C-alpha atoms as a PDB file:
ATOM      1  CA  MET A   1      13.933   5.030  12.236  1.00  0.00           C
ATOM      2  CA  SER A   2      14.001   4.634   8.280  1.00  0.00           C
ATOM      3  CA  LYS A   3      13.116   1.017   8.429  1.00  0.00           C
ATOM      4  CA  VAL A   4       9.826  -0.478   9.891  1.00  0.00           C
ATOM      5  CA  THR A   5       8.210  -3.612  10.152  1.00  0.00           C
ATOM      6  CA  GLY A   6       5.251  -4.479   8.290  1.00  0.00           C
ATOM      7  CA  TYR A   7       2.737  -4.049  11.077  1.00  0.00           C
ATOM      8  CA  ALA A   8       4.096  -0.349  11.703  1.00  0.00           C
ATOM      9  CA  ALA A   9       4.061   0.205   7.699  1.00  0.00           C
ATOM     10  CA  SER A  10       0.550  -0.496   7.797  1.00  0.00           C
ATOM     11  CA  LYS A  11      -0.074   2.390  10.273  1.00  0.00           C
ATOM     12  CA  VAL A  12       1.627   4.700   8.311  1.00  0.00           C
ATOM     13  CA  VAL A  13      -0.239   3.631   4.799  1.00  0.00           C
ATOM     14  CA  ASN A  14      -3.191   4.044   6.849  1.00  0.00           C
ATOM     15  CA  ILE A  15      -2.859   7.628   7.787  1.00  0.00           C
ATOM     16  CA  VAL A  16      -2.116   8.469   4.177  1.00  0.00           C
ATOM     17  CA  LEU A  17      -5.042   6.771   2.862  1.00  0.00           C
ATOM     18  CA  ALA A  18      -7.197   8.364   5.877  1.00  0.00           C
ATOM     19  CA  GLU A  19      -5.760  11.658   4.539  1.00  0.00           C
ATOM     20  CA  ASN A  20      -7.155  10.506   1.071  1.00  0.00           C
ATOM     21  CA  ASN A  21     -10.492   9.010   2.170  1.00  0.00           C
ATOM     22  CA  ILE A  22      -9.634   5.744   1.199  1.00  0.00           C
ATOM     23  CA  ALA A  23     -10.215   2.824   3.245  1.00  0.00           C
ATOM     24  CA  PRO A  24      -7.689   1.571   5.381  1.00  0.00           C
ATOM     25  CA  ILE A  25      -5.556  -1.766   4.712  1.00  0.00           C
ATOM     26  CA  PRO A  26      -4.981  -4.554   7.035  1.00  0.00           C
ATOM     27  CA  PRO A  27      -1.396  -5.386   8.460  1.00  0.00           C
ATOM     28  CA  GLN A  28      -1.897  -8.703   6.760  1.00  0.00           C
ATOM     29  CA  MET A  29      -1.870  -6.947   3.368  1.00  0.00           C
ATOM     30  CA  VAL A  30       1.593  -5.364   3.851  1.00  0.00           C
ATOM     31  CA  TYR A  31       2.839  -8.854   4.875  1.00  0.00           C
ATOM     32  CA  ASN A  32       1.452 -10.553   1.762  1.00  0.00           C
ATOM     33  CA  TYR A  33       3.023  -7.776  -0.549  1.00  0.00           C
ATOM     34  CA  THR A  34       6.140  -8.254   1.297  1.00  0.00           C
ATOM     35  CA  THR A  35       7.375 -11.258   3.338  1.00  0.00           C
ATOM     36  CA  ALA A  36       4.892 -13.826   1.906  1.00  0.00           C
ATOM     37  CA  ARG A  37       5.956 -12.883  -1.625  1.00  0.00           C
ATOM     38  CA  VAL A  38       9.597 -13.679  -0.540  1.00  0.00           C
ATOM     39  CA  ARG A  39       8.879 -17.124   1.197  1.00  0.00           C
ATOM     40  CA  ALA A  40       6.949 -18.014  -1.887  1.00  0.00           C
ATOM     41  CA  GLY A  41       9.776 -17.049  -4.229  1.00  0.00           C
ATOM     42  CA  LYS A  42       8.508 -14.206  -5.823  1.00  0.00           C
ATOM     43  CA  VAL A  43       9.651 -10.275  -5.919  1.00  0.00           C
ATOM     44  CA  PRO A  44       7.951  -8.388  -3.105  1.00  0.00           C
ATOM     45  CA  LEU A  45       5.784  -5.438  -4.151  1.00  0.00           C
ATOM     46  CA  ILE A  46       7.177  -3.558  -1.509  1.00  0.00           C
ATOM     47  CA  PRO A  47      11.085  -3.958  -1.072  1.00  0.00           C
ATOM     48  CA  ILE A  48      12.111  -5.467   2.086  1.00  0.00           C
ATOM     49  CA  ASP A  49      15.851  -6.063   3.844  1.00  0.00           C
ATOM     50  CA  ALA A  50      17.006  -9.583   5.036  1.00  0.00           C
ATOM     51  CA  ASP A  51      15.400  -8.810   8.673  1.00  0.00           C
ATOM     52  CA  ASN A  52      12.026  -8.108   6.576  1.00  0.00           C
ATOM     53  CA  LYS A  53      12.075  -4.728   7.383  1.00  0.00           C
ATOM     54  CA  ILE A  54      10.792  -1.987   4.862  1.00  0.00           C
ATOM     55  CA  ASP A  55      12.689   1.362   4.052  1.00  0.00           C
ATOM     56  CA  LEU A  56      10.239   4.151   4.602  1.00  0.00           C
ATOM     57  CA  ALA A  57      11.744   5.532   1.240  1.00  0.00           C
ATOM     58  CA  ASP A  58      10.533   2.360  -0.239  1.00  0.00           C
ATOM     59  CA  LEU A  59       7.013   2.530   1.199  1.00  0.00           C
ATOM     60  CA  GLU A  60       6.345   6.177   0.483  1.00  0.00           C
ATOM     61  CA  VAL A  61       6.616   5.120  -3.331  1.00  0.00           C
ATOM     62  CA  TRP A  62       4.418   2.042  -3.080  1.00  0.00           C
ATOM     63  CA  VAL A  63       1.536   4.046  -0.815  1.00  0.00           C
ATOM     64  CA  THR A  64       1.897   6.828  -3.651  1.00  0.00           C
ATOM     65  CA  LYS A  65       0.972   4.582  -6.292  1.00  0.00           C
ATOM     66  CA  TYR A  66      -1.437   2.680  -4.535  1.00  0.00           C
ATOM     67  CA  VAL A  67      -3.131   5.961  -3.690  1.00  0.00           C
ATOM     68  CA  GLU A  68      -2.904   7.057  -7.356  1.00  0.00           C
ATOM     69  CA  LYS A  69      -4.458   4.028  -8.490  1.00  0.00           C
ATOM     70  CA  LYS A  70      -7.428   3.928  -5.791  1.00  0.00           C
ATOM     71  CA  LEU A  71      -8.020   7.849  -6.662  1.00  0.00           C
ATOM     72  CA  ALA A  72      -8.059   7.040 -10.627  1.00  0.00           C
ATOM     73  CA  ALA A  73     -10.561   4.128  -9.908  1.00  0.00           C
ATOM     74  CA  ARG A  74     -12.937   6.380  -7.844  1.00  0.00           C
ATOM     75  CA  GLU A  75     -12.845   8.870 -10.720  1.00  0.00           C
ATOM     76  CA  THR A  76     -13.555   6.308 -13.402  1.00  0.00           C
ATOM     77  CA  LYS A  77     -16.399   5.264 -11.159  1.00  0.00           C
ATOM     78  CA  MET A  78     -17.808   8.537 -10.496  1.00  0.00           C
ATOM     79  CA  ALA A  79     -17.721   9.218 -14.340  1.00  0.00           C
ATOM     80  CA  GLU A  80     -19.719   5.839 -14.992  1.00  0.00           C
ATOM     81  CA  GLU A  81     -22.254   6.483 -12.766  1.00  0.00           C
ATOM     82  CA  ASN A  82     -22.796  10.082 -14.177  1.00  0.00           C
ATOM     83  CA  ILE A  83     -22.819   8.619 -17.267  1.00  0.00           C
ATOM     84  CA  GLU A  84     -25.630   6.233 -16.345  1.00  0.00           C
ATOM     85  CA  ALA A  85     -27.454   8.590 -14.304  1.00  0.00           C
END
């Protein structure tokens, strides 16, 4: 199983997010980042094939960037709160 639907991708992403204490995402978010963008004539944020399936390698790249962004935002927020305290 190297390709998954957007719904299955959201389940995989949410496992990774839980491991990093990050709030889960709804399946609709994956749809918006993939199929909805293609239908709107835009490039998807997570690559999909002609059957709207997501390759797990591409999903891993996206979720890694997403986690890094969320963790960096968390660190920034914590640093700002310490400055204000």
